[in-house]
Protein backbone atom coordinates (compact mmCIF):
# COMPACT_ATOMS: atom_id res chain seq x y z
CA LEU A 1 134.98 10.09 -57.51
CA SER A 2 136.97 12.97 -58.89
CA SER A 3 138.47 12.76 -62.34
CA GLU A 4 141.05 15.40 -61.48
CA SER A 5 144.69 14.88 -60.57
CA SER A 6 146.35 16.47 -57.56
CA ASN A 7 147.07 19.72 -59.45
CA ASN A 8 143.37 20.15 -60.40
CA MET A 9 143.97 19.34 -64.06
CA ALA A 10 141.14 17.37 -65.63
CA THR A 11 142.26 13.97 -66.87
CA ASN A 12 139.07 12.84 -68.57
CA ILE A 13 138.91 15.32 -71.44
CA THR A 14 139.32 14.66 -75.15
CA TRP A 15 139.72 17.14 -78.00
CA HIS A 16 136.88 16.80 -80.50
CA SER A 17 137.84 17.95 -83.97
CA SER A 18 135.35 19.56 -86.30
CA HIS A 19 134.49 18.00 -89.62
CA LEU A 20 135.42 21.37 -91.12
CA ALA A 21 139.01 22.46 -91.50
CA ARG A 22 140.29 25.93 -90.80
CA ALA A 23 140.70 26.38 -94.55
CA ASP A 24 136.96 25.70 -95.00
CA ARG A 25 136.04 28.49 -92.59
CA GLU A 26 138.61 30.84 -94.10
CA GLY A 27 137.24 30.08 -97.56
CA LEU A 28 133.71 30.90 -96.48
CA LEU A 29 134.89 34.22 -95.04
CA ASN A 30 137.27 34.89 -97.95
CA GLN A 31 140.10 35.73 -95.55
CA ARG A 32 142.89 34.14 -93.55
CA GLY A 33 142.43 33.80 -89.82
CA VAL A 34 145.14 35.79 -88.08
CA THR A 35 145.89 37.41 -84.73
CA LEU A 36 147.39 40.88 -84.60
CA TRP A 37 148.80 41.56 -81.12
CA PHE A 38 148.98 45.17 -79.89
CA THR A 39 151.01 45.68 -76.72
CA GLY A 40 152.03 48.72 -74.73
CA LEU A 41 151.43 50.58 -71.53
CA SER A 42 147.96 51.36 -70.23
CA GLY A 43 146.54 54.33 -72.10
CA ALA A 44 149.05 54.02 -74.97
CA GLY A 45 146.31 53.75 -77.62
CA LYS A 46 146.18 49.98 -78.26
CA SER A 47 142.39 49.81 -78.19
CA THR A 48 142.06 53.03 -80.19
CA LEU A 49 144.27 51.56 -82.93
CA CYS A 50 142.33 48.29 -82.86
CA CYS A 51 139.01 50.10 -83.25
CA ALA A 52 140.30 52.16 -86.17
CA LEU A 53 141.71 49.08 -87.87
CA GLU A 54 138.52 47.14 -87.22
CA ASN A 55 136.50 49.88 -88.95
CA GLU A 56 138.78 49.73 -92.00
CA LEU A 57 138.67 45.94 -92.17
CA PHE A 58 134.89 45.93 -91.76
CA ALA A 59 134.59 48.47 -94.60
CA ASN A 60 136.53 45.94 -96.68
CA LYS A 61 134.11 43.15 -95.69
CA LYS A 62 136.52 41.39 -93.33
CA SER A 63 135.29 39.60 -90.22
CA THR A 64 137.13 40.72 -87.10
CA TYR A 65 136.96 40.61 -83.34
CA ILE A 66 138.69 42.87 -80.83
CA LEU A 67 139.95 41.29 -77.63
CA ASP A 68 140.65 44.13 -75.22
CA GLY A 69 142.48 43.63 -71.92
CA ASP A 70 139.99 45.55 -69.80
CA ASN A 71 137.00 43.82 -71.39
CA ILE A 72 138.53 40.38 -70.88
CA ARG A 73 139.19 41.14 -67.22
CA HIS A 74 135.46 41.79 -66.73
CA GLY A 75 134.70 38.13 -67.49
CA LEU A 76 137.15 35.44 -68.55
CA CYS A 77 139.99 36.76 -66.40
CA SER A 78 138.00 38.45 -63.62
CA ASP A 79 139.58 36.09 -61.10
CA LEU A 80 143.09 37.34 -61.85
CA GLY A 81 145.11 40.17 -60.34
CA PHE A 82 148.11 42.01 -61.73
CA GLY A 83 151.04 40.16 -60.17
CA PRO A 84 153.51 38.32 -62.42
CA GLY A 85 151.78 34.93 -62.12
CA ASP A 86 148.32 36.35 -62.79
CA ARG A 87 149.62 38.38 -65.73
CA GLN A 88 151.13 35.20 -67.16
CA GLU A 89 147.84 33.31 -66.77
CA ASN A 90 145.90 36.24 -68.26
CA ILE A 91 148.02 36.18 -71.42
CA ARG A 92 147.91 32.37 -71.59
CA ARG A 93 144.09 32.43 -71.54
CA ILE A 94 143.98 35.20 -74.13
CA GLY A 95 146.35 33.22 -76.33
CA GLU A 96 143.99 30.26 -76.22
CA VAL A 97 141.02 32.47 -77.14
CA CYS A 98 143.02 34.02 -79.99
CA ASN A 99 143.87 30.53 -81.17
CA LEU A 100 140.20 29.49 -81.26
CA PHE A 101 139.05 32.68 -83.02
CA THR A 102 141.90 32.45 -85.52
CA ASP A 103 140.99 28.83 -86.23
CA ALA A 104 137.45 30.08 -86.89
CA GLY A 105 138.89 32.27 -89.65
CA LEU A 106 138.56 35.59 -87.87
CA ILE A 107 141.02 38.46 -87.85
CA VAL A 108 141.67 38.92 -84.14
CA LEU A 109 142.84 42.30 -82.89
CA ALA A 110 144.31 41.69 -79.43
CA ALA A 111 145.07 44.74 -77.27
CA PHE A 112 146.87 43.83 -74.05
CA VAL A 113 149.40 45.18 -71.62
CA SER A 114 151.68 42.18 -71.94
CA PRO A 115 154.97 43.17 -70.35
CA TYR A 116 156.68 39.79 -70.40
CA LYS A 117 158.33 38.75 -73.66
CA ALA A 118 158.20 35.09 -72.60
CA ASP A 119 154.39 35.26 -72.36
CA ARG A 120 154.09 36.87 -75.80
CA ASP A 121 156.50 34.28 -77.20
CA ASN A 122 154.34 31.47 -75.75
CA VAL A 123 151.27 32.88 -77.51
CA ARG A 124 153.23 33.24 -80.75
CA GLN A 125 154.37 29.62 -80.52
CA LEU A 126 150.80 28.42 -79.90
CA LEU A 127 149.47 30.36 -82.88
CA ASP A 128 152.38 29.33 -85.12
CA LYS A 129 151.99 25.66 -84.18
CA ASN A 130 148.29 25.64 -84.91
CA GLN A 131 148.76 27.58 -88.15
CA LYS A 132 151.17 24.88 -89.32
CA ASP A 133 148.85 22.10 -88.12
CA GLY A 134 146.00 23.73 -90.05
CA ASP A 135 148.08 23.88 -93.23
CA GLU A 136 148.66 20.13 -93.28
């Protein structure tokens, strides 16, 4: 028997919380988890800026991770094209990854062609919601 509904969404999943809070991980790393989102046209220098910033943060003993649009499309989003629906799903997935890495206390440098304000706003709302939940 399938545990999926008609729209292929799993119905038998449960979120398992860690015994550690975000603040615990941030304390260990001596930094706040945050996502910095770089957007612009292809070839505009998003990844170049992220790499330069990562080098500076690393020199200051900060733990970072760059999420680059092309790199992500080699794996996590390799099944997506570049139409509006696929672009929306690409940014949704990236937002979820940013949320997990930020919760881990990392400084996430996200470099994506993200042309739709609504998609960026959805990521911002996800990150803001989970920042507030982590502060409680």
